[in-house]
Amino acid sequence: MLPRQPVLDPAAAYPRITGLREALDSGDWPACREVLDAAEPAERTFLTMIAFDEAGLEDFLRGVLSGDPGDGAAGALLGQHLIGAAWRIRTTAPAEQVSRERFTAFTSGLGAAERVLLDAAARSPRDPAIWTARLITARGLELGRSEARRRYRRLAGIDPHHLPGQWQLLQQLCPKSGGDWELAHAFAREVTEAAPPGSFNPVLVAEAHLEHWREQHGRSAAAGRRYLAAGGVRDELHEAARRSVWHPDFRRAHGWVRVMSTFAMAFALIDDHRAAASLFTELGDLSSDRPWDYLGDPGSVIIKYRSRALRAGGDGT
C-alpha cells in the first residue's frame, strides 16, 4: 500500500480561508469583511496573510481603500499582497545570489507596502494584523532590531500573545536577519513562560531550535545532528510541548496544524519517535509545508519521517 500523501493546503483545516479566497476572487468586499470580522485576532491576522500569495488583488484592494481609507482590514491585506509580490521578485535565494536589479525592485516593492501599512497603522493603530505586516517590512527593509522591537511593542500592547507577530520577531532575532542565537532563544523562552497553558506560543522554542539546526546543518549534516542531540535541546522541546500541544487545554484553532507539525519535525529530527508519533497521529493526513520544506519537498519528507516515527514509536500514546 502506498503511504498516504499529506494534505498541505491550509484550507483543509481552516474553512474560512476558502471563504476569504472566494470573496477576494469575486471582489466582494462585504463578504471579505464578514469572514475577517468573525475571526479571533490571531486567526484574522493569519487570514490577511493569504494575500501574500494571491495574485491580482492590488487594484481591488486599492479601490476599497479609496472608498474607505480607514478600513484596516483592507490595509493589512494590501500590505501583505505587496509584500508577497516584492518577495517573489527577490526570490528565496541567499542575499549574495540576488542580483542588484532584483534587490532594487524588491526594496521598491517593500517600500510601497510600508507606505500602505504606515497609513493603515495611523488610521487603525490597534489592528494587530497591520503591526504584524509591519514587522515583515521592517525585516525586509533592514530597519534593524530596535525598530522591529518598537513595532513589536506596539503589537504586544494590543495582544501580548499574538503568535503571527511573535513568529515575525523571532525571524528578526535570528542571525540571518542581524540578530544572534542568544536573542532568538531568549525571546522564545520569554514568550513560552508568559503564554497561557495550552497555547500555541511555546512552539517558538521549537521554531528557534529548528532555525539554529538549519544554520548548523547548512555547514554540515553532522553539525546539525550534534546541535539537536544536545540534552538541553531535547529537554526544552519536551517542556514546550507539555505547555502547548500536549496540554489538555490545547485547541484546534487556526494555526494548530503548523504548530503541531513544527513540534513533530523537531522530535523527528532528534529521533524521539514516540513524541513525534503522538503528533503525527493527532495530525492524521494534515500537515503544513513549513518547516518541513527546510528538508526538501514537504510531501515526500513528511511521508519519510512520519513512517519512521509510527513504525518505531507506535501510535505515540
Protein backbone atom coordinates (compact mmCIF):
# COMPACT_ATOMS: atom_id res chain seq x y z
CA MET A 1 0.00 0.00 0.00
CA LEU A 2 1.32 3.43 -0.90
CA PRO A 3 1.82 5.81 2.04
CA ARG A 4 -0.86 8.46 2.46
CA GLN A 5 0.01 11.81 0.96
CA PRO A 6 -0.09 14.64 3.49
CA VAL A 7 -2.68 17.35 2.93
CA LEU A 8 -0.73 20.62 2.86
CA ASP A 9 -3.45 23.08 1.80
CA PRO A 10 -4.28 25.04 4.97
CA ALA A 11 -7.86 25.46 3.76
CA ALA A 12 -8.41 21.77 4.56
CA ALA A 13 -8.08 22.60 8.25
CA TYR A 14 -9.38 26.17 8.21
CA PRO A 15 -12.54 26.61 6.09
CA ARG A 16 -12.54 30.40 6.49
CA ILE A 17 -9.57 30.53 4.12
CA THR A 18 -11.78 29.21 1.33
CA GLY A 19 -14.47 31.74 2.16
CA LEU A 20 -12.00 34.62 2.11
CA ARG A 21 -10.34 33.46 -1.12
CA GLU A 22 -13.73 33.21 -2.85
CA ALA A 23 -14.74 36.66 -1.63
CA LEU A 24 -11.44 38.16 -2.81
CA ASP A 25 -11.68 36.43 -6.19
CA SER A 26 -15.18 37.76 -6.73
CA GLY A 27 -14.33 41.26 -5.50
CA ASP A 28 -16.99 41.06 -2.78
CA TRP A 29 -15.64 43.28 -0.01
CA PRO A 30 -18.63 42.91 2.37
CA ALA A 31 -18.14 39.13 2.18
CA CYS A 32 -14.41 39.59 2.90
CA ARG A 33 -15.19 41.67 5.96
CA GLU A 34 -17.77 39.15 7.13
CA VAL A 35 -15.11 36.43 7.18
CA LEU A 36 -12.44 38.59 8.79
CA ASP A 37 -14.73 40.20 11.37
CA ALA A 38 -15.89 36.78 12.60
CA ALA A 39 -12.31 35.63 13.31
CA GLU A 40 -10.36 35.81 16.55
CA PRO A 41 -7.42 38.29 16.43
CA ALA A 42 -4.66 35.78 15.62
CA GLU A 43 -6.86 33.97 13.11
CA ARG A 44 -7.73 37.29 11.47
CA THR A 45 -4.04 38.10 11.08
CA PHE A 46 -3.33 34.66 9.63
CA LEU A 47 -6.21 35.16 7.20
CA THR A 48 -4.87 38.52 5.98
CA MET A 49 -1.58 36.77 5.25
CA ILE A 50 -3.16 34.69 2.48
CA ALA A 51 -2.99 37.84 0.34
CA PHE A 52 0.80 37.29 0.25
CA ASP A 53 0.30 34.51 -2.32
CA GLU A 54 -2.89 35.69 -4.05
CA ALA A 55 -2.50 37.28 -7.50
CA GLY A 56 -4.30 40.27 -8.97
CA LEU A 57 -5.61 41.89 -5.78
CA GLU A 58 -3.90 45.27 -5.85
CA ASP A 59 -6.46 47.21 -7.89
CA PHE A 60 -9.39 45.75 -5.97
CA LEU A 61 -7.90 46.49 -2.54
CA ARG A 62 -6.75 49.97 -3.52
CA GLY A 63 -10.30 50.62 -4.68
CA VAL A 64 -11.63 49.54 -1.27
CA LEU A 65 -9.18 51.86 0.48
CA SER A 66 -10.05 54.70 -1.85
CA GLY A 67 -13.67 54.40 -0.71
CA ASP A 68 -12.76 53.95 2.96
CA PRO A 69 -9.14 54.91 3.81
CA GLY A 70 -9.71 53.85 7.41
CA ASP A 71 -10.51 50.21 6.61
CA GLY A 72 -7.71 48.45 8.48
CA ALA A 73 -8.58 45.04 7.05
CA ALA A 74 -8.10 46.31 3.50
CA GLY A 75 -4.85 47.97 4.52
CA ALA A 76 -3.50 44.77 6.08
CA LEU A 77 -4.50 42.68 3.05
CA LEU A 78 -3.00 45.12 0.56
CA GLY A 79 0.19 45.37 2.63
CA GLN A 80 0.56 41.59 2.67
CA HIS A 81 -0.19 41.38 -1.05
CA LEU A 82 2.53 43.92 -1.89
CA ILE A 83 4.99 42.18 0.45
CA GLY A 84 4.36 38.90 -1.33
CA ALA A 85 4.87 40.48 -4.75
CA ALA A 86 8.15 42.01 -3.59
CA TRP A 87 9.43 38.75 -2.13
CA ARG A 88 8.67 36.87 -5.34
CA ILE A 89 10.90 39.33 -7.19
CA ARG A 90 13.69 38.82 -4.67
CA THR A 91 13.21 35.02 -4.56
CA THR A 92 14.24 32.93 -1.55
CA ALA A 93 17.87 32.71 -2.67
CA PRO A 94 20.62 33.82 -0.26
CA ALA A 95 21.26 37.56 -0.40
CA GLU A 96 24.60 37.15 -2.15
CA GLN A 97 22.86 35.32 -5.01
CA VAL A 98 20.22 38.03 -5.60
CA SER A 99 21.08 40.40 -8.45
CA ARG A 100 21.30 44.14 -7.88
CA GLU A 101 18.30 44.67 -10.18
CA ARG A 102 16.16 42.20 -8.26
CA PHE A 103 17.19 43.61 -4.93
CA THR A 104 16.37 47.15 -6.06
CA ALA A 105 12.91 46.06 -7.26
CA PHE A 106 12.40 44.11 -4.03
CA THR A 107 13.22 47.16 -1.92
CA SER A 108 10.93 49.33 -4.02
CA GLY A 109 8.07 46.85 -3.63
CA LEU A 110 8.53 46.64 0.13
CA GLY A 111 8.65 50.42 0.27
CA ALA A 112 5.23 50.53 -1.40
CA ALA A 113 3.91 48.03 1.13
CA GLU A 114 5.40 50.01 4.01
CA ARG A 115 3.68 53.20 2.84
CA VAL A 116 0.31 51.44 2.72
CA LEU A 117 0.87 49.93 6.16
CA LEU A 118 2.13 53.18 7.69
CA ASP A 119 -1.07 54.91 6.66
CA ALA A 120 -3.15 51.96 7.83
CA ALA A 121 -1.42 51.95 11.24
CA ALA A 122 -2.07 55.67 11.63
CA ARG A 123 -5.77 55.18 10.91
CA SER A 124 -6.19 51.82 12.72
CA PRO A 125 -3.46 51.81 15.38
CA ARG A 126 -4.90 48.87 17.31
CA ASP A 127 -5.07 46.41 14.43
CA PRO A 128 -2.61 43.57 15.13
CA ALA A 129 -2.66 42.39 11.52
CA ILE A 130 -1.18 45.71 10.41
CA TRP A 131 1.60 45.62 13.02
CA THR A 132 2.41 42.02 12.10
CA ALA A 133 2.81 43.02 8.46
CA ARG A 134 4.99 45.96 9.53
CA LEU A 135 7.32 43.53 11.28
CA ILE A 136 7.83 41.81 7.91
CA THR A 137 8.60 45.08 6.10
CA ALA A 138 10.95 46.12 8.90
CA ARG A 139 12.96 42.95 8.38
CA GLY A 140 12.91 43.11 4.59
CA LEU A 141 13.92 46.77 4.52
CA GLU A 142 16.66 46.07 7.08
CA LEU A 143 15.42 48.72 9.51
CA GLY A 144 17.16 46.95 12.38
CA ARG A 145 16.28 45.23 15.63
CA SER A 146 15.43 48.41 17.52
CA GLU A 147 12.73 49.37 15.03
CA ALA A 148 11.43 45.81 14.88
CA ARG A 149 11.21 45.69 18.68
CA ARG A 150 9.42 49.06 18.69
CA ARG A 151 6.83 47.70 16.30
CA TYR A 152 6.51 44.50 18.29
CA ARG A 153 5.91 46.50 21.49
CA ARG A 154 3.03 48.26 19.76
CA LEU A 155 1.64 44.87 18.78
CA ALA A 156 2.14 43.34 22.23
CA GLY A 157 0.33 46.30 23.77
CA ILE A 158 -2.73 45.24 21.77
CA ASP A 159 -2.35 41.46 22.09
CA PRO A 160 0.56 40.21 24.24
CA HIS A 161 0.31 36.65 22.90
CA HIS A 162 -0.17 37.39 19.19
CA LEU A 163 1.60 34.42 17.61
CA PRO A 164 1.77 35.69 13.99
CA GLY A 165 3.70 38.74 15.15
CA GLN A 166 5.88 36.73 17.52
CA TRP A 167 6.85 34.46 14.64
CA GLN A 168 7.95 37.52 12.69
CA LEU A 169 10.02 38.99 15.51
CA LEU A 170 11.72 35.64 16.08
CA GLN A 171 12.85 35.70 12.44
CA GLN A 172 14.25 39.20 13.02
CA LEU A 173 16.22 38.00 16.05
CA CYS A 174 17.92 35.14 14.19
CA PRO A 175 21.47 35.70 12.89
CA LYS A 176 20.33 35.62 9.25
CA SER A 177 18.47 38.90 9.91
CA GLY A 178 21.14 40.56 12.03
CA GLY A 179 20.32 39.04 15.41
CA ASP A 180 22.04 36.26 17.32
CA TRP A 181 21.07 32.93 18.82
CA GLU A 182 21.09 34.19 22.38
CA LEU A 183 18.47 36.79 21.50
CA ALA A 184 16.35 34.35 19.49
CA HIS A 185 16.26 31.63 22.15
CA ALA A 186 15.72 34.16 24.95
CA PHE A 187 12.68 35.59 23.16
CA ALA A 188 11.23 32.12 22.55
CA ARG A 189 11.64 31.24 26.23
CA GLU A 190 10.18 34.55 27.37
CA VAL A 191 7.11 34.04 25.18
CA THR A 192 6.71 30.48 26.46
CA GLU A 193 6.90 31.50 30.10
CA ALA A 194 4.27 34.21 29.60
CA ALA A 195 1.85 32.20 27.49
CA PRO A 196 -1.35 30.68 28.92
CA PRO A 197 -1.33 26.89 29.39
CA GLY A 198 -2.25 25.02 26.22
CA SER A 199 -1.50 27.95 23.93
CA PHE A 200 0.34 27.85 20.63
CA ASN A 201 3.11 30.25 21.65
CA PRO A 202 5.60 27.71 23.08
CA VAL A 203 6.09 26.47 19.52
CA LEU A 204 8.58 29.34 19.21
CA VAL A 205 11.00 27.25 21.30
CA ALA A 206 10.84 24.52 18.65
CA GLU A 207 10.99 27.11 15.86
CA ALA A 208 14.14 28.70 17.31
CA HIS A 209 15.85 25.33 17.66
CA LEU A 210 14.91 24.39 14.08
CA GLU A 211 16.31 27.69 12.80
CA HIS A 212 19.51 27.07 14.78
CA TRP A 213 19.70 23.50 13.47
CA ARG A 214 19.17 24.75 9.93
CA GLU A 215 22.18 27.08 10.22
CA GLN A 216 24.35 24.29 11.61
CA HIS A 217 23.03 21.80 9.04
CA GLY A 218 23.97 24.24 6.30
CA ARG A 219 27.58 23.87 7.41
CA SER A 220 27.36 20.08 7.65
CA ALA A 221 24.75 17.44 8.44
CA ALA A 222 26.95 16.25 11.31
CA ALA A 223 26.98 19.72 12.86
CA GLY A 224 23.20 19.85 12.65
CA ARG A 225 22.87 16.47 14.35
CA ARG A 226 25.27 17.48 17.11
CA TYR A 227 23.27 20.61 17.82
CA LEU A 228 19.93 18.82 18.12
CA ALA A 229 21.45 15.92 20.06
CA ALA A 230 22.31 18.17 22.97
CA GLY A 231 20.35 17.17 26.07
CA GLY A 232 19.25 20.72 26.76
CA VAL A 233 17.56 20.97 23.36
CA ARG A 234 15.58 17.77 23.92
CA ASP A 235 14.53 18.90 27.40
CA GLU A 236 13.37 22.29 26.13
CA LEU A 237 11.36 20.73 23.33
CA HIS A 238 9.58 18.40 25.74
CA GLU A 239 8.81 21.20 28.19
CA ALA A 240 7.47 23.44 25.39
CA ALA A 241 5.29 20.60 24.06
CA ARG A 242 3.91 19.94 27.55
CA ARG A 243 2.92 23.59 27.75
CA SER A 244 1.33 23.54 24.29
CA VAL A 245 0.39 20.60 22.06
CA TRP A 246 0.37 18.04 24.90
CA HIS A 247 -1.59 20.23 27.29
CA PRO A 248 -5.29 19.38 27.84
CA ASP A 249 -6.26 23.00 27.05
CA PHE A 250 -4.72 22.91 23.56
CA ARG A 251 -7.37 23.92 21.00
CA ARG A 252 -7.54 23.18 17.30
CA ALA A 253 -7.91 26.84 16.43
CA HIS A 254 -6.42 28.48 13.35
CA GLY A 255 -2.71 27.66 13.21
CA TRP A 256 -2.80 24.39 15.15
CA VAL A 257 -1.59 22.31 12.20
CA ARG A 258 1.62 24.27 11.73
CA VAL A 259 2.23 24.32 15.49
CA MET A 260 1.85 20.55 15.77
CA SER A 261 3.83 19.98 12.55
CA THR A 262 6.71 22.07 13.88
CA PHE A 263 6.94 20.03 17.06
CA ALA A 264 6.61 16.82 15.02
CA MET A 265 9.56 17.79 12.83
CA ALA A 266 11.70 18.79 15.81
CA PHE A 267 11.07 15.48 17.58
CA ALA A 268 11.56 13.51 14.35
CA LEU A 269 14.96 15.10 13.79
CA ILE A 270 16.17 14.09 17.26
CA ASP A 271 14.85 10.54 16.73
CA ASP A 272 12.34 10.92 19.55
CA HIS A 273 9.99 8.60 17.71
CA ARG A 274 7.41 8.24 20.46
CA ALA A 275 6.99 12.00 20.79
CA ALA A 276 6.87 12.51 17.02
CA ALA A 277 4.41 9.63 16.58
CA SER A 278 2.00 11.16 19.08
CA LEU A 279 1.84 14.31 16.96
CA PHE A 280 1.67 12.58 13.59
CA THR A 281 -1.24 10.54 14.96
CA GLU A 282 -3.09 13.70 16.04
CA LEU A 283 -2.45 15.36 12.70
CA GLY A 284 -3.72 12.44 10.63
CA ASP A 285 -3.32 13.42 6.97
CA LEU A 286 -2.99 17.15 7.74
CA SER A 287 0.36 18.91 7.77
CA SER A 288 1.99 22.21 6.85
CA ASP A 289 4.73 22.79 4.31
CA ARG A 290 6.71 24.93 6.76
CA PRO A 291 9.02 23.94 8.43
CA TRP A 292 9.24 20.63 6.51
CA ASP A 293 10.33 22.49 3.37
CA TYR A 294 13.67 23.09 5.12
CA LEU A 295 14.39 19.44 4.25
CA GLY A 296 13.21 19.48 0.64
CA ASP A 297 9.86 18.61 -0.90
CA PRO A 298 7.47 18.69 2.08
CA GLY A 299 5.22 15.87 0.90
CA SER A 300 7.94 13.27 0.44
CA VAL A 301 9.85 14.38 3.54
CA ILE A 302 6.76 14.14 5.75
CA ILE A 303 5.98 10.65 4.46
CA LYS A 304 9.54 9.54 5.26
CA TYR A 305 9.63 10.88 8.82
CA ARG A 306 6.01 10.01 9.60
CA SER A 307 6.51 6.40 8.52
CA ARG A 308 9.70 6.11 10.54
CA ALA A 309 8.13 7.59 13.69
CA LEU A 310 4.97 5.50 13.52
CA ARG A 311 6.94 2.30 12.96
CA ALA A 312 9.32 2.96 15.84
CA GLY A 313 7.01 4.81 18.21
CA GLY A 314 3.69 3.13 17.63
CA ASP A 315 0.70 5.47 17.82
CA GLY A 316 2.51 7.70 20.31
CA THR A 317 0.07 7.04 23.12
